[in-house]
Amino acid sequence: MSGDNPVARGRTWNFSHTLYTSILPEAARGLRPESTIDPFVLVKSLFAKLFKGGPQPVFYIHLRVSRGAFDLCVSCGKTGAALPDLPFAGFIQASSLVGLSNLQAWLDARWTPVGSQLHSDPRYRREFLPPEDPSFVYFLVHGKPALAVGGRPRKQPKAPAVNLAQHPFGACSVKLPRYN
């Protein structure tokens, strides 16, 4: 049962999958030599179509494809050769818990819960945060990451309240002893 599995639900997930450009007619049409569509824009739109209709709480999707695979796909399309598929990896964030079964129904990928906030995940920091690695092509498919530390803002320490008695000058009721 998913209730017994502590990783069956999460807000932040890492995943890998393949964009099957070899069977997408819009990919072949968009990469033809006579096409004026920017290959990056075309592939990003294919990713947007792939991720459309996902679980409602998902507000961020960020992907990366190896530069070699992307360039090979584009050059095959420009020469009219069969397109190779594009393996990719990515991260999603959701505003509430999303079950693994919901994610697999949406996209039959290899899903791994991050187990913490996205900004503290070493893999995300190493592979997705600037400076971007030139050996990959990055696609921000949806939204913006929530990278700030969550929770309530820190309370600033307050100085203790000090009540000072106000006496006019010369009206001190305490007599000091005289020393001779």
N, C-alpha and C. Protein backbone atom coordinates (compact mmCIF):
# COMPACT_ATOMS: atom_id res chain seq x y z
N MET A 1 0.83 -1.19 0.00
CA MET A 1 0.00 0.00 0.00
C MET A 1 0.87 1.24 0.00
N SER A 2 0.38 2.29 -0.65
CA SER A 2 1.17 3.52 -0.71
C SER A 2 1.25 4.21 0.64
N GLY A 3 0.28 3.97 1.53
CA GLY A 3 0.32 4.58 2.85
C GLY A 3 1.46 4.05 3.70
N ASP A 4 1.90 2.81 3.40
CA ASP A 4 3.00 2.22 4.15
C ASP A 4 4.36 2.66 3.63
N ASN A 5 4.42 3.16 2.41
CA ASN A 5 5.68 3.54 1.79
C ASN A 5 5.93 5.02 2.03
N PRO A 6 6.99 5.38 2.79
CA PRO A 6 7.22 6.79 3.10
C PRO A 6 7.63 7.62 1.89
N VAL A 7 8.07 7.00 0.80
CA VAL A 7 8.48 7.77 -0.38
C VAL A 7 7.43 7.76 -1.48
N ALA A 8 6.23 7.29 -1.18
CA ALA A 8 5.19 7.21 -2.19
C ALA A 8 4.56 8.58 -2.48
N ARG A 9 4.89 9.58 -1.66
CA ARG A 9 4.35 10.92 -1.86
C ARG A 9 5.46 11.93 -1.61
N GLY A 10 5.43 13.02 -2.34
CA GLY A 10 6.43 14.05 -2.15
C GLY A 10 6.04 15.31 -2.90
N ARG A 11 6.74 16.39 -2.59
CA ARG A 11 6.51 17.67 -3.27
C ARG A 11 7.56 17.93 -4.34
N THR A 12 8.73 17.33 -4.18
CA THR A 12 9.83 17.56 -5.10
C THR A 12 10.35 16.22 -5.59
N TRP A 13 10.42 16.08 -6.92
CA TRP A 13 10.81 14.82 -7.52
C TRP A 13 11.87 15.04 -8.60
N ASN A 14 12.74 14.05 -8.72
CA ASN A 14 13.71 13.96 -9.81
C ASN A 14 13.23 12.82 -10.71
N PHE A 15 13.42 12.95 -12.01
CA PHE A 15 12.97 11.90 -12.90
C PHE A 15 13.80 11.87 -14.17
N SER A 16 13.68 10.76 -14.89
CA SER A 16 14.31 10.66 -16.21
C SER A 16 13.35 9.91 -17.12
N HIS A 17 13.41 10.25 -18.39
CA HIS A 17 12.49 9.69 -19.37
C HIS A 17 13.08 9.94 -20.75
N THR A 18 12.31 9.65 -21.78
CA THR A 18 12.74 9.85 -23.16
C THR A 18 11.63 10.55 -23.93
N LEU A 19 12.01 11.56 -24.70
CA LEU A 19 11.08 12.20 -25.64
C LEU A 19 11.23 11.43 -26.94
N TYR A 20 10.17 10.75 -27.34
CA TYR A 20 10.22 9.87 -28.52
C TYR A 20 10.01 10.68 -29.80
N THR A 21 11.02 11.44 -30.15
CA THR A 21 10.94 12.27 -31.36
C THR A 21 10.84 11.41 -32.62
N SER A 22 11.32 10.17 -32.56
CA SER A 22 11.27 9.29 -33.73
C SER A 22 9.85 8.99 -34.17
N ILE A 23 8.88 9.12 -33.29
CA ILE A 23 7.49 8.83 -33.66
C ILE A 23 6.60 10.08 -33.62
N LEU A 24 7.20 11.26 -33.48
CA LEU A 24 6.42 12.50 -33.44
C LEU A 24 6.50 13.21 -34.79
N PRO A 25 5.41 13.19 -35.56
CA PRO A 25 5.45 13.85 -36.87
C PRO A 25 5.76 15.34 -36.79
N GLU A 26 5.31 16.01 -35.71
CA GLU A 26 5.58 17.44 -35.58
C GLU A 26 7.07 17.72 -35.36
N ALA A 27 7.79 16.76 -34.80
CA ALA A 27 9.24 16.91 -34.65
C ALA A 27 9.91 16.83 -36.01
N ALA A 28 9.54 15.84 -36.80
CA ALA A 28 10.14 15.68 -38.14
C ALA A 28 9.81 16.89 -39.02
N ARG A 29 8.56 17.35 -38.98
CA ARG A 29 8.17 18.53 -39.79
C ARG A 29 8.92 19.78 -39.35
N GLY A 30 9.06 19.97 -38.03
CA GLY A 30 9.69 21.17 -37.51
C GLY A 30 11.19 21.23 -37.70
N LEU A 31 11.81 20.08 -37.93
CA LEU A 31 13.26 20.05 -38.10
C LEU A 31 13.70 19.91 -39.56
N ARG A 32 12.75 19.90 -40.49
CA ARG A 32 13.10 19.84 -41.91
C ARG A 32 13.98 21.01 -42.29
N PRO A 33 14.78 20.85 -43.35
CA PRO A 33 15.66 21.95 -43.78
C PRO A 33 14.91 23.25 -44.10
N GLU A 34 13.73 23.15 -44.66
CA GLU A 34 12.98 24.35 -45.03
C GLU A 34 12.23 24.99 -43.86
N SER A 35 12.23 24.35 -42.72
CA SER A 35 11.53 24.88 -41.55
C SER A 35 12.27 26.10 -40.99
N THR A 36 11.49 27.09 -40.58
CA THR A 36 12.07 28.30 -39.98
C THR A 36 11.93 28.30 -38.45
N ILE A 37 11.44 27.20 -37.92
CA ILE A 37 11.26 27.09 -36.46
C ILE A 37 12.62 26.84 -35.81
N ASP A 38 12.91 27.60 -34.77
CA ASP A 38 14.13 27.39 -33.99
C ASP A 38 14.03 26.00 -33.33
N PRO A 39 15.03 25.13 -33.52
CA PRO A 39 14.96 23.78 -32.93
C PRO A 39 14.74 23.78 -31.42
N PHE A 40 15.34 24.74 -30.71
CA PHE A 40 15.14 24.82 -29.27
C PHE A 40 13.66 25.08 -28.96
N VAL A 41 13.05 26.01 -29.67
CA VAL A 41 11.64 26.34 -29.46
C VAL A 41 10.76 25.14 -29.80
N LEU A 42 11.10 24.44 -30.86
CA LEU A 42 10.33 23.26 -31.25
C LEU A 42 10.38 22.19 -30.16
N VAL A 43 11.58 21.85 -29.69
CA VAL A 43 11.72 20.81 -28.68
C VAL A 43 11.05 21.24 -27.38
N LYS A 44 11.18 22.51 -27.03
CA LYS A 44 10.51 23.00 -25.81
C LYS A 44 9.00 22.84 -25.93
N SER A 45 8.45 23.11 -27.10
CA SER A 45 7.00 22.94 -27.29
C SER A 45 6.61 21.47 -27.22
N LEU A 46 7.48 20.58 -27.70
CA LEU A 46 7.20 19.14 -27.59
C LEU A 46 7.20 18.71 -26.13
N PHE A 47 8.14 19.25 -25.35
CA PHE A 47 8.15 18.96 -23.91
C PHE A 47 6.90 19.51 -23.24
N ALA A 48 6.50 20.72 -23.59
CA ALA A 48 5.29 21.31 -23.00
C ALA A 48 4.07 20.45 -23.29
N LYS A 49 4.00 19.92 -24.50
CA LYS A 49 2.89 19.04 -24.87
C LYS A 49 2.95 17.74 -24.07
N LEU A 50 4.15 17.19 -23.89
CA LEU A 50 4.32 15.95 -23.13
C LEU A 50 3.87 16.12 -21.68
N PHE A 51 4.16 17.29 -21.09
CA PHE A 51 3.86 17.51 -19.68
C PHE A 51 2.50 18.15 -19.43
N LYS A 52 1.75 18.41 -20.48
CA LYS A 52 0.43 19.02 -20.33
C LYS A 52 -0.52 18.05 -19.62
N GLY A 53 -1.35 18.60 -18.76
CA GLY A 53 -2.35 17.78 -18.08
C GLY A 53 -1.83 16.98 -16.91
N GLY A 54 -0.74 17.43 -16.31
CA GLY A 54 -0.19 16.74 -15.15
C GLY A 54 -0.96 17.06 -13.89
N PRO A 55 -0.52 16.51 -12.78
CA PRO A 55 -1.19 16.78 -11.50
C PRO A 55 -1.25 18.28 -11.20
N GLN A 56 -2.38 18.73 -10.72
CA GLN A 56 -2.63 20.15 -10.45
C GLN A 56 -1.57 20.82 -9.57
N PRO A 57 -1.08 20.16 -8.53
CA PRO A 57 -0.15 20.89 -7.66
C PRO A 57 1.24 21.15 -8.28
N VAL A 58 1.56 20.54 -9.43
CA VAL A 58 2.88 20.73 -10.04
C VAL A 58 2.97 22.15 -10.60
N PHE A 59 3.94 22.92 -10.08
CA PHE A 59 4.08 24.31 -10.54
C PHE A 59 5.44 24.58 -11.19
N TYR A 60 6.33 23.59 -11.20
CA TYR A 60 7.66 23.82 -11.76
C TYR A 60 8.16 22.55 -12.43
N ILE A 61 8.63 22.68 -13.68
CA ILE A 61 9.21 21.56 -14.42
C ILE A 61 10.46 22.08 -15.13
N HIS A 62 11.60 21.48 -14.83
CA HIS A 62 12.88 21.88 -15.42
C HIS A 62 13.57 20.62 -15.94
N LEU A 63 14.01 20.66 -17.21
CA LEU A 63 14.60 19.49 -17.85
C LEU A 63 15.97 19.82 -18.44
N ARG A 64 16.71 18.76 -18.71
CA ARG A 64 17.95 18.92 -19.46
C ARG A 64 18.16 17.71 -20.35
N VAL A 65 18.73 17.99 -21.53
CA VAL A 65 19.03 16.99 -22.55
C VAL A 65 20.51 17.14 -22.86
N SER A 66 21.20 16.04 -23.11
CA SER A 66 22.62 16.18 -23.45
C SER A 66 22.74 16.95 -24.77
N ARG A 67 23.73 17.81 -24.83
CA ARG A 67 23.98 18.62 -26.03
C ARG A 67 24.20 17.72 -27.25
N GLY A 68 24.92 16.61 -27.05
CA GLY A 68 25.18 15.70 -28.16
C GLY A 68 23.91 15.10 -28.73
N ALA A 69 23.00 14.66 -27.86
CA ALA A 69 21.73 14.08 -28.31
C ALA A 69 20.87 15.13 -29.01
N PHE A 70 20.83 16.33 -28.44
CA PHE A 70 20.04 17.41 -29.04
C PHE A 70 20.59 17.77 -30.43
N ASP A 71 21.89 17.97 -30.54
CA ASP A 71 22.50 18.33 -31.82
C ASP A 71 22.32 17.22 -32.86
N LEU A 72 22.43 15.96 -32.44
CA LEU A 72 22.23 14.84 -33.36
C LEU A 72 20.80 14.83 -33.88
N CYS A 73 19.85 15.05 -33.00
CA CYS A 73 18.44 15.08 -33.40
C CYS A 73 18.19 16.19 -34.41
N VAL A 74 18.72 17.37 -34.14
CA VAL A 74 18.54 18.51 -35.05
C VAL A 74 19.21 18.24 -36.39
N SER A 75 20.44 17.73 -36.38
CA SER A 75 21.13 17.50 -37.66
C SER A 75 20.45 16.39 -38.46
N CYS A 76 19.93 15.35 -37.79
CA CYS A 76 19.19 14.32 -38.51
C CYS A 76 17.93 14.90 -39.15
N GLY A 77 17.24 15.77 -38.41
CA GLY A 77 16.05 16.40 -38.96
C GLY A 77 16.37 17.28 -40.15
N LYS A 78 17.48 18.01 -40.09
CA LYS A 78 17.86 18.91 -41.19
C LYS A 78 18.28 18.15 -42.44
N THR A 79 18.77 16.91 -42.27
CA THR A 79 19.18 16.11 -43.42
C THR A 79 18.07 15.18 -43.89
N GLY A 80 16.97 15.11 -43.15
CA GLY A 80 15.86 14.24 -43.53
C GLY A 80 16.01 12.81 -43.03
N ALA A 81 17.01 12.55 -42.23
CA ALA A 81 17.21 11.20 -41.67
C ALA A 81 16.22 10.97 -40.53
N ALA A 82 16.11 9.71 -40.13
CA ALA A 82 15.22 9.36 -39.01
C ALA A 82 15.73 10.06 -37.75
N LEU A 83 14.79 10.57 -36.98
CA LEU A 83 15.16 11.28 -35.75
C LEU A 83 15.45 10.31 -34.62
N PRO A 84 16.55 10.53 -33.89
CA PRO A 84 16.79 9.73 -32.69
C PRO A 84 15.93 10.26 -31.54
N ASP A 85 15.64 9.42 -30.58
CA ASP A 85 14.89 9.85 -29.41
C ASP A 85 15.80 10.66 -28.49
N LEU A 86 15.20 11.51 -27.65
CA LEU A 86 15.95 12.38 -26.75
C LEU A 86 15.76 11.97 -25.30
N PRO A 87 16.74 11.29 -24.71
CA PRO A 87 16.64 11.02 -23.27
C PRO A 87 16.84 12.32 -22.51
N PHE A 88 16.10 12.47 -21.41
CA PHE A 88 16.21 13.69 -20.61
C PHE A 88 16.05 13.37 -19.14
N ALA A 89 16.49 14.31 -18.32
CA ALA A 89 16.32 14.22 -16.87
C ALA A 89 15.73 15.54 -16.40
N GLY A 90 15.09 15.52 -15.26
CA GLY A 90 14.50 16.76 -14.78
C GLY A 90 14.05 16.70 -13.34
N PHE A 91 13.52 17.83 -12.92
CA PHE A 91 12.97 18.00 -11.58
C PHE A 91 11.61 18.65 -11.69
N ILE A 92 10.72 18.27 -10.79
CA ILE A 92 9.44 18.97 -10.65
C ILE A 92 9.28 19.37 -9.20
N GLN A 93 8.48 20.41 -8.99
CA GLN A 93 8.06 20.82 -7.65
C GLN A 93 6.54 20.95 -7.67
N ALA A 94 5.95 20.63 -6.55
CA ALA A 94 4.50 20.73 -6.40
C ALA A 94 4.18 21.50 -5.12
N SER A 95 3.02 22.13 -5.12
CA SER A 95 2.61 22.92 -3.96
C SER A 95 2.08 22.05 -2.83
N SER A 96 1.73 20.81 -3.14
CA SER A 96 1.30 19.87 -2.11
C SER A 96 1.82 18.49 -2.50
N LEU A 97 1.65 17.55 -1.62
CA LEU A 97 2.16 16.20 -1.86
C LEU A 97 1.52 15.58 -3.09
N VAL A 98 2.36 14.92 -3.90
CA VAL A 98 1.89 14.21 -5.09
C VAL A 98 2.32 12.76 -4.93
N GLY A 99 1.39 11.86 -5.16
CA GLY A 99 1.69 10.44 -5.04
C GLY A 99 2.44 9.90 -6.23
N LEU A 100 3.28 8.93 -5.98
CA LEU A 100 4.05 8.28 -7.04
C LEU A 100 3.13 7.69 -8.10
N SER A 101 2.02 7.11 -7.68
CA SER A 101 1.09 6.51 -8.64
C SER A 101 0.50 7.58 -9.57
N ASN A 102 0.24 8.79 -9.06
CA ASN A 102 -0.26 9.88 -9.91
C ASN A 102 0.80 10.31 -10.92
N LEU A 103 2.06 10.38 -10.47
CA LEU A 103 3.14 10.77 -11.37
C LEU A 103 3.35 9.73 -12.46
N GLN A 104 3.30 8.46 -12.09
CA GLN A 104 3.50 7.40 -13.09
C GLN A 104 2.34 7.34 -14.07
N ALA A 105 1.13 7.66 -13.61
CA ALA A 105 -0.01 7.70 -14.53
C ALA A 105 0.13 8.86 -15.52
N TRP A 106 0.74 9.94 -15.07
CA TRP A 106 0.95 11.12 -15.90
C TRP A 106 2.07 10.87 -16.92
N LEU A 107 3.18 10.34 -16.44
CA LEU A 107 4.35 10.09 -17.28
C LEU A 107 5.05 8.85 -16.75
N ASP A 108 5.12 7.84 -17.57
CA ASP A 108 5.73 6.58 -17.14
C ASP A 108 7.25 6.73 -17.16
N ALA A 109 7.74 7.43 -16.15
CA ALA A 109 9.17 7.74 -16.03
C ALA A 109 9.72 7.08 -14.78
N ARG A 110 11.01 7.20 -14.60
CA ARG A 110 11.65 6.74 -13.36
C ARG A 110 11.65 7.92 -12.39
N TRP A 111 10.78 7.88 -11.39
CA TRP A 111 10.59 8.98 -10.44
C TRP A 111 11.33 8.67 -9.15
N THR A 112 12.03 9.67 -8.63
CA THR A 112 12.74 9.54 -7.36
C THR A 112 12.42 10.76 -6.51
N PRO A 113 11.86 10.57 -5.31
CA PRO A 113 11.58 11.73 -4.47
C PRO A 113 12.89 12.37 -4.01
N VAL A 114 12.90 13.69 -3.97
CA VAL A 114 14.10 14.40 -3.52
C VAL A 114 14.25 14.27 -2.02
N GLY A 115 13.16 14.27 -1.29
CA GLY A 115 13.22 14.06 0.15
C GLY A 115 13.54 15.31 0.94
N SER A 116 13.72 16.42 0.27
CA SER A 116 13.99 17.69 0.95
C SER A 116 13.56 18.80 0.00
N GLN A 117 13.85 20.00 0.38
CA GLN A 117 13.54 21.12 -0.51
C GLN A 117 14.48 21.11 -1.70
N LEU A 118 14.00 21.60 -2.81
CA LEU A 118 14.77 21.57 -4.05
C LEU A 118 16.12 22.26 -3.92
N HIS A 119 16.15 23.41 -3.27
CA HIS A 119 17.41 24.17 -3.17
C HIS A 119 18.47 23.45 -2.35
N SER A 120 18.08 22.50 -1.52
CA SER A 120 19.06 21.79 -0.70
C SER A 120 19.47 20.44 -1.30
N ASP A 121 18.91 20.08 -2.45
CA ASP A 121 19.27 18.83 -3.09
C ASP A 121 20.60 18.98 -3.83
N PRO A 122 21.63 18.23 -3.46
CA PRO A 122 22.94 18.40 -4.09
C PRO A 122 22.93 18.14 -5.59
N ARG A 123 22.12 17.18 -6.02
CA ARG A 123 22.07 16.89 -7.47
C ARG A 123 21.47 18.06 -8.24
N TYR A 124 20.40 18.64 -7.73
CA TYR A 124 19.80 19.80 -8.40
C TYR A 124 20.79 20.96 -8.43
N ARG A 125 21.42 21.21 -7.31
CA ARG A 125 22.38 22.33 -7.23
C ARG A 125 23.54 22.12 -8.20
N ARG A 126 24.01 20.90 -8.31
CA ARG A 126 25.15 20.59 -9.17
C ARG A 126 24.76 20.58 -10.65
N GLU A 127 23.58 20.05 -10.98
CA GLU A 127 23.22 19.82 -12.38
C GLU A 127 22.31 20.87 -13.00
N PHE A 128 21.59 21.66 -12.18
CA PHE A 128 20.59 22.56 -12.76
C PHE A 128 20.77 24.03 -12.42
N LEU A 129 21.53 24.34 -11.39
CA LEU A 129 21.70 25.75 -11.05
C LEU A 129 22.88 26.34 -11.81
N PRO A 130 22.83 27.63 -12.10
CA PRO A 130 23.93 28.27 -12.85
C PRO A 130 25.25 28.10 -12.14
N PRO A 131 26.36 28.08 -12.83
CA PRO A 131 26.41 28.21 -14.27
C PRO A 131 25.99 26.91 -14.95
N GLU A 132 25.18 27.04 -15.98
CA GLU A 132 24.70 25.85 -16.69
C GLU A 132 25.85 25.18 -17.42
N ASP A 133 25.81 23.87 -17.44
CA ASP A 133 26.82 23.06 -18.09
C ASP A 133 26.62 23.13 -19.60
N PRO A 134 27.64 23.54 -20.38
CA PRO A 134 27.46 23.65 -21.84
C PRO A 134 27.27 22.31 -22.53
N SER A 135 27.50 21.20 -21.84
CA SER A 135 27.29 19.90 -22.47
C SER A 135 25.83 19.44 -22.38
N PHE A 136 24.96 20.35 -21.90
CA PHE A 136 23.53 20.05 -21.83
C PHE A 136 22.73 21.23 -22.37
N VAL A 137 21.53 20.93 -22.83
CA VAL A 137 20.56 21.95 -23.23
C VAL A 137 19.46 21.91 -22.17
N TYR A 138 19.14 23.08 -21.60
CA TYR A 138 18.18 23.17 -20.50
C TYR A 138 16.85 23.71 -21.00
N PHE A 139 15.77 23.14 -20.49
CA PHE A 139 14.42 23.56 -20.87
C PHE A 139 13.62 23.83 -19.60
N LEU A 140 13.28 25.08 -19.39
CA LEU A 140 12.37 25.44 -18.30
C LEU A 140 10.98 25.33 -18.89
N VAL A 141 10.32 24.21 -18.64
CA VAL A 141 9.06 23.90 -19.28
C VAL A 141 7.89 24.62 -18.63
N HIS A 142 7.97 24.78 -17.31
CA HIS A 142 6.82 25.36 -16.61
C HIS A 142 7.26 25.99 -15.29
N GLY A 143 6.81 27.20 -15.05
CA GLY A 143 6.94 27.85 -13.76
C GLY A 143 8.33 28.31 -13.37
N LYS A 144 8.44 28.65 -12.09
CA LYS A 144 9.69 29.09 -11.48
C LYS A 144 9.92 28.25 -10.23
N PRO A 145 11.19 27.93 -9.95
CA PRO A 145 11.44 27.11 -8.76
C PRO A 145 11.23 27.90 -7.47
N ALA A 146 10.78 27.20 -6.46
CA ALA A 146 10.69 27.79 -5.13
C ALA A 146 12.01 27.43 -4.44
N LEU A 147 12.96 28.35 -4.49
CA LEU A 147 14.28 28.07 -3.95
C LEU A 147 14.54 28.71 -2.60
N ALA A 148 13.66 29.58 -2.16
CA ALA A 148 13.87 30.23 -0.88
C ALA A 148 13.62 29.24 0.24
N VAL A 149 14.22 29.50 1.38
CA VAL A 149 14.00 28.65 2.53
C VAL A 149 12.54 28.80 2.94
N GLY A 150 11.88 27.69 3.11
CA GLY A 150 10.47 27.71 3.46
C GLY A 150 10.26 28.02 4.93
N GLY A 151 9.01 28.08 5.30
CA GLY A 151 8.68 28.31 6.70
C GLY A 151 8.46 29.78 7.01
N ARG A 152 8.32 30.04 8.28
CA ARG A 152 8.07 31.41 8.72
C ARG A 152 9.36 32.20 8.73
N PRO A 153 9.25 33.51 8.52
CA PRO A 153 10.47 34.32 8.60
C PRO A 153 11.00 34.32 10.03
N ARG A 154 12.30 34.48 10.14
CA ARG A 154 12.92 34.53 11.47
C ARG A 154 12.45 35.73 12.25
N LYS A 155 12.19 35.51 13.52
CA LYS A 155 11.81 36.63 14.37
C LYS A 155 13.07 37.35 14.80
N GLN A 156 13.03 38.64 14.75
CA GLN A 156 14.16 39.43 15.20
C GLN A 156 14.09 39.52 16.72
N PRO A 157 15.23 39.39 17.38
CA PRO A 157 15.19 39.49 18.85
C PRO A 157 14.75 40.89 19.27
N LYS A 158 13.92 40.89 20.28
CA LYS A 158 13.42 42.17 20.78
C LYS A 158 14.20 42.54 22.02
N ALA A 159 14.50 43.82 22.13
CA ALA A 159 15.17 44.31 23.34
C ALA A 159 14.15 44.29 24.48
N PRO A 160 14.58 43.94 25.67
CA PRO A 160 13.63 43.92 26.78
C PRO A 160 13.12 45.34 27.04
N ALA A 161 11.88 45.39 27.44
CA ALA A 161 11.29 46.69 27.76
C ALA A 161 11.94 47.25 29.02
N VAL A 162 12.30 48.51 28.97
CA VAL A 162 12.93 49.17 30.12
C VAL A 162 12.02 50.30 30.56
N ASN A 163 11.62 50.26 31.81
CA ASN A 163 10.81 51.34 32.37
C ASN A 163 11.70 52.18 33.27
N LEU A 164 11.91 53.38 32.89
CA LEU A 164 12.72 54.29 33.69
C LEU A 164 11.80 55.26 34.41
N ALA A 165 12.05 55.40 35.68
CA ALA A 165 11.27 56.38 36.44
C ALA A 165 11.80 57.77 36.10
N GLN A 166 10.92 58.63 35.83
CA GLN A 166 11.30 60.00 35.49
C GLN A 166 11.16 60.89 36.73
N HIS A 167 12.26 61.50 37.14
CA HIS A 167 12.23 62.44 38.26
C HIS A 167 12.81 63.75 37.78
N PRO A 168 12.21 64.83 38.19
CA PRO A 168 12.81 66.12 37.83
C PRO A 168 14.14 66.28 38.54
N PHE A 169 15.04 67.06 37.95
CA PHE A 169 16.36 67.28 38.55
C PHE A 169 16.21 67.84 39.96
N GLY A 170 16.98 67.34 40.87
CA GLY A 170 17.00 67.84 42.24
C GLY A 170 15.88 67.29 43.09
N ALA A 171 15.06 66.42 42.56
CA ALA A 171 13.95 65.90 43.34
C ALA A 171 14.21 64.46 43.75
N CYS A 172 15.42 64.13 43.97
CA CYS A 172 15.77 62.76 44.34
C CYS A 172 15.41 62.53 45.80
N SER A 173 14.74 61.49 46.08
CA SER A 173 14.31 61.23 47.45
C SER A 173 15.31 60.36 48.19
N VAL A 174 16.36 59.92 47.52
CA VAL A 174 17.37 59.10 48.19
C VAL A 174 18.48 60.00 48.67
N LYS A 175 18.82 59.83 49.94
CA LYS A 175 19.91 60.63 50.50
C LYS A 175 21.14 59.78 50.50
N LEU A 176 22.20 60.34 49.99
CA LEU A 176 23.47 59.63 49.94
C LEU A 176 24.24 59.94 51.21
N PRO A 177 24.94 58.97 51.76
CA PRO A 177 25.73 59.23 52.97
C PRO A 177 26.89 60.16 52.66
N ARG A 178 27.25 60.93 53.67
CA ARG A 178 28.39 61.86 53.52
C ARG A 178 29.63 61.21 54.06
N TYR A 179 30.71 61.38 53.35
CA TYR A 179 31.99 60.86 53.80
C TYR A 179 32.90 62.02 54.07
N ASN A 180 33.46 62.03 55.14
CA ASN A 180 34.36 63.10 55.52
C ASN A 180 35.76 62.66 55.47
